[in-house]
N, C-alpha and C. Protein backbone atom coordinates (compact mmCIF):
# COMPACT_ATOMS: atom_id res chain seq x y z
N MET A 1 -38.78 9.72 2.95
CA MET A 1 -38.14 8.43 3.13
C MET A 1 -36.88 8.33 2.27
N VAL A 2 -36.96 8.76 1.03
CA VAL A 2 -35.81 8.70 0.13
C VAL A 2 -34.73 9.65 0.62
N ARG A 3 -35.15 10.81 1.11
CA ARG A 3 -34.18 11.79 1.59
C ARG A 3 -33.42 11.26 2.81
N LYS A 4 -34.12 10.61 3.73
CA LYS A 4 -33.46 10.04 4.91
C LYS A 4 -32.47 8.96 4.51
N THR A 5 -32.84 8.15 3.54
CA THR A 5 -31.94 7.10 3.07
C THR A 5 -30.71 7.69 2.42
N LEU A 6 -30.89 8.72 1.62
CA LEU A 6 -29.77 9.37 0.96
C LEU A 6 -28.83 10.03 1.98
N VAL A 7 -29.39 10.68 2.97
CA VAL A 7 -28.58 11.31 4.02
C VAL A 7 -27.81 10.24 4.79
N PHE A 8 -28.48 9.13 5.09
CA PHE A 8 -27.82 8.04 5.79
C PHE A 8 -26.64 7.49 4.97
N LEU A 9 -26.84 7.29 3.68
CA LEU A 9 -25.77 6.77 2.83
C LEU A 9 -24.61 7.75 2.70
N LEU A 10 -24.92 9.03 2.64
CA LEU A 10 -23.86 10.04 2.57
C LEU A 10 -23.06 10.09 3.87
N LYS A 11 -23.75 9.97 5.00
CA LYS A 11 -23.04 9.93 6.29
C LYS A 11 -22.17 8.68 6.37
N LEU A 12 -22.69 7.57 5.91
CA LEU A 12 -21.93 6.33 5.92
C LEU A 12 -20.67 6.46 5.06
N LEU A 13 -20.81 7.04 3.89
CA LEU A 13 -19.66 7.25 3.01
C LEU A 13 -18.64 8.19 3.65
N LEU A 14 -19.12 9.23 4.32
CA LEU A 14 -18.22 10.15 5.01
C LEU A 14 -17.45 9.44 6.11
N PHE A 15 -18.14 8.60 6.90
CA PHE A 15 -17.47 7.85 7.95
C PHE A 15 -16.42 6.90 7.36
N ILE A 16 -16.73 6.27 6.25
CA ILE A 16 -15.77 5.35 5.62
C ILE A 16 -14.52 6.10 5.16
N ILE A 17 -14.71 7.24 4.52
CA ILE A 17 -13.57 8.01 4.01
C ILE A 17 -12.72 8.53 5.16
N LEU A 18 -13.36 9.11 6.18
CA LEU A 18 -12.61 9.63 7.32
C LEU A 18 -11.89 8.51 8.07
N GLY A 19 -12.55 7.39 8.26
CA GLY A 19 -11.92 6.26 8.92
C GLY A 19 -10.74 5.72 8.14
N PHE A 20 -10.91 5.66 6.82
CA PHE A 20 -9.82 5.22 5.95
C PHE A 20 -8.60 6.13 6.10
N LEU A 21 -8.82 7.42 6.03
CA LEU A 21 -7.70 8.37 6.11
C LEU A 21 -7.04 8.36 7.49
N LEU A 22 -7.85 8.37 8.54
CA LEU A 22 -7.28 8.35 9.89
C LEU A 22 -6.56 7.03 10.17
N GLY A 23 -7.11 5.92 9.70
CA GLY A 23 -6.44 4.63 9.87
C GLY A 23 -5.14 4.56 9.09
N LEU A 24 -5.15 5.12 7.89
CA LEU A 24 -3.94 5.14 7.08
C LEU A 24 -2.83 5.95 7.76
N ILE A 25 -3.18 7.12 8.27
CA ILE A 25 -2.19 7.97 8.94
C ILE A 25 -1.68 7.30 10.21
N ALA A 26 -2.60 6.78 11.03
CA ALA A 26 -2.19 6.13 12.27
C ALA A 26 -1.33 4.90 11.99
N GLY A 27 -1.74 4.10 11.02
CA GLY A 27 -0.96 2.91 10.68
C GLY A 27 0.42 3.25 10.15
N ALA A 28 0.49 4.27 9.31
CA ALA A 28 1.79 4.68 8.78
C ALA A 28 2.69 5.22 9.89
N TYR A 29 2.11 5.94 10.83
CA TYR A 29 2.88 6.46 11.95
C TYR A 29 3.45 5.32 12.80
N ILE A 30 2.60 4.35 13.10
CA ILE A 30 3.04 3.22 13.92
C ILE A 30 4.11 2.41 13.18
N GLY A 31 3.90 2.14 11.91
CA GLY A 31 4.86 1.36 11.13
C GLY A 31 6.16 2.08 10.90
N GLY A 32 6.09 3.38 10.74
CA GLY A 32 7.31 4.14 10.49
C GLY A 32 8.17 4.31 11.72
N ASN A 33 7.55 4.28 12.89
CA ASN A 33 8.30 4.53 14.12
C ASN A 33 8.57 3.29 14.95
N PHE A 34 7.68 2.32 14.91
CA PHE A 34 7.81 1.19 15.83
C PHE A 34 7.94 -0.16 15.14
N LEU A 35 7.29 -0.36 14.01
CA LEU A 35 7.29 -1.67 13.34
C LEU A 35 7.98 -1.57 11.99
N THR A 36 9.19 -1.15 11.97
CA THR A 36 9.89 -0.93 10.70
C THR A 36 10.18 -2.21 9.93
N SER A 37 10.25 -3.33 10.61
CA SER A 37 10.53 -4.59 9.90
C SER A 37 9.28 -5.43 9.67
N PHE A 38 8.10 -4.91 9.95
CA PHE A 38 6.84 -5.63 9.76
C PHE A 38 6.55 -5.74 8.27
N GLU A 39 6.18 -6.95 7.82
CA GLU A 39 5.87 -7.16 6.40
C GLU A 39 4.43 -7.62 6.24
N PHE A 40 3.77 -7.06 5.22
CA PHE A 40 2.39 -7.44 4.90
C PHE A 40 2.12 -7.10 3.45
N ASN A 41 1.55 -8.03 2.72
CA ASN A 41 1.11 -7.80 1.35
C ASN A 41 2.24 -7.34 0.43
N GLY A 42 3.42 -7.85 0.66
CA GLY A 42 4.55 -7.54 -0.21
C GLY A 42 5.27 -6.23 0.09
N VAL A 43 4.87 -5.52 1.11
CA VAL A 43 5.55 -4.27 1.50
C VAL A 43 5.93 -4.36 2.96
N ARG A 44 6.74 -3.43 3.41
CA ARG A 44 7.19 -3.48 4.79
C ARG A 44 7.21 -2.11 5.41
N GLY A 45 7.18 -2.09 6.73
CA GLY A 45 7.26 -0.84 7.48
C GLY A 45 5.96 -0.05 7.45
N TYR A 46 6.11 1.26 7.22
CA TYR A 46 4.95 2.14 7.28
C TYR A 46 3.94 1.85 6.18
N GLU A 47 4.40 1.34 5.04
CA GLU A 47 3.46 1.01 3.96
C GLU A 47 2.56 -0.16 4.35
N ALA A 48 3.14 -1.16 5.01
CA ALA A 48 2.37 -2.34 5.42
C ALA A 48 1.36 -1.99 6.51
N THR A 49 1.80 -1.30 7.54
CA THR A 49 0.88 -0.97 8.62
C THR A 49 -0.12 0.10 8.19
N GLY A 50 0.25 0.92 7.24
CA GLY A 50 -0.70 1.90 6.69
C GLY A 50 -1.85 1.21 5.98
N GLN A 51 -1.56 0.15 5.25
CA GLN A 51 -2.62 -0.62 4.58
C GLN A 51 -3.56 -1.25 5.60
N ILE A 52 -2.99 -1.83 6.64
CA ILE A 52 -3.82 -2.45 7.67
C ILE A 52 -4.66 -1.40 8.39
N GLY A 53 -4.06 -0.27 8.72
CA GLY A 53 -4.80 0.80 9.39
C GLY A 53 -5.91 1.36 8.52
N ALA A 54 -5.64 1.52 7.24
CA ALA A 54 -6.67 2.04 6.33
C ALA A 54 -7.84 1.08 6.23
N PHE A 55 -7.56 -0.20 6.12
CA PHE A 55 -8.64 -1.20 6.05
C PHE A 55 -9.43 -1.23 7.36
N ALA A 56 -8.72 -1.24 8.47
CA ALA A 56 -9.41 -1.30 9.77
C ALA A 56 -10.25 -0.03 9.98
N GLY A 57 -9.71 1.11 9.62
CA GLY A 57 -10.46 2.35 9.78
C GLY A 57 -11.69 2.42 8.89
N ALA A 58 -11.56 1.93 7.67
CA ALA A 58 -12.69 1.95 6.74
C ALA A 58 -13.79 0.98 7.18
N VAL A 59 -13.43 -0.09 7.86
CA VAL A 59 -14.43 -1.06 8.31
C VAL A 59 -15.05 -0.63 9.64
N LEU A 60 -14.22 -0.19 10.58
CA LEU A 60 -14.71 0.09 11.92
C LEU A 60 -15.41 1.44 12.06
N SER A 61 -15.01 2.45 11.32
CA SER A 61 -15.59 3.78 11.51
C SER A 61 -17.08 3.85 11.17
N PRO A 62 -17.57 3.24 10.08
CA PRO A 62 -19.02 3.30 9.87
C PRO A 62 -19.80 2.51 10.92
N VAL A 63 -19.22 1.42 11.43
CA VAL A 63 -19.89 0.65 12.47
C VAL A 63 -20.01 1.49 13.74
N LEU A 64 -18.91 2.13 14.12
CA LEU A 64 -18.94 2.98 15.31
C LEU A 64 -19.83 4.21 15.10
N GLY A 65 -19.78 4.79 13.93
CA GLY A 65 -20.64 5.94 13.63
C GLY A 65 -22.11 5.58 13.71
N TYR A 66 -22.47 4.44 13.18
CA TYR A 66 -23.86 3.98 13.24
C TYR A 66 -24.27 3.74 14.68
N TYR A 67 -23.40 3.12 15.45
CA TYR A 67 -23.70 2.85 16.86
C TYR A 67 -23.93 4.15 17.63
N PHE A 68 -23.04 5.13 17.46
CA PHE A 68 -23.17 6.37 18.21
C PHE A 68 -24.34 7.22 17.74
N THR A 69 -24.66 7.21 16.46
CA THR A 69 -25.81 8.00 16.01
C THR A 69 -27.11 7.35 16.46
N ARG A 70 -27.18 6.03 16.49
CA ARG A 70 -28.38 5.36 17.00
C ARG A 70 -28.55 5.61 18.49
N LYS A 71 -27.44 5.58 19.22
CA LYS A 71 -27.50 5.82 20.65
C LYS A 71 -27.98 7.24 20.92
N ARG A 72 -27.48 8.19 20.17
CA ARG A 72 -27.87 9.59 20.32
C ARG A 72 -29.34 9.77 19.93
N ARG A 73 -29.76 9.11 18.86
CA ARG A 73 -31.15 9.22 18.41
C ARG A 73 -32.10 8.66 19.46
N LYS A 74 -31.72 7.55 20.10
CA LYS A 74 -32.56 6.97 21.14
C LYS A 74 -32.68 7.91 22.33
N LYS A 75 -31.58 8.57 22.70
CA LYS A 75 -31.63 9.52 23.81
C LYS A 75 -32.56 10.68 23.48
N ARG A 76 -32.46 11.17 22.25
CA ARG A 76 -33.29 12.30 21.83
C ARG A 76 -34.76 11.93 21.84
N VAL A 77 -35.10 10.76 21.38
CA VAL A 77 -36.49 10.31 21.37
C VAL A 77 -36.97 10.07 22.80
N HIS A 78 -36.10 9.52 23.63
CA HIS A 78 -36.48 9.22 25.00
C HIS A 78 -36.82 10.48 25.78
N HIS A 79 -36.07 11.57 25.57
CA HIS A 79 -36.30 12.81 26.29
C HIS A 79 -37.39 13.66 25.67
N GLY A 80 -37.83 13.28 24.50
CA GLY A 80 -38.93 13.99 23.88
C GLY A 80 -38.55 15.25 23.14
N THR A 81 -37.28 15.43 22.80
CA THR A 81 -36.88 16.61 22.04
C THR A 81 -36.50 16.25 20.64
């Protein structure tokens, strides 16, 4: 039981870190190329959209990861493997 909880928490942390990094890169790309005059939190351009992307990625990636792993787990249990 403790091992499953620890593995779950490590997977959750991995999803948060990966989502943060991917959101940061995507946000910086969008802000640097398309929203150069966008302002947020005292910064503008790629820095502003990078912050928003990093936050969105860190919040959404563990939610999506949990959803997809539960969906996969249900399929595996349903088929009996």
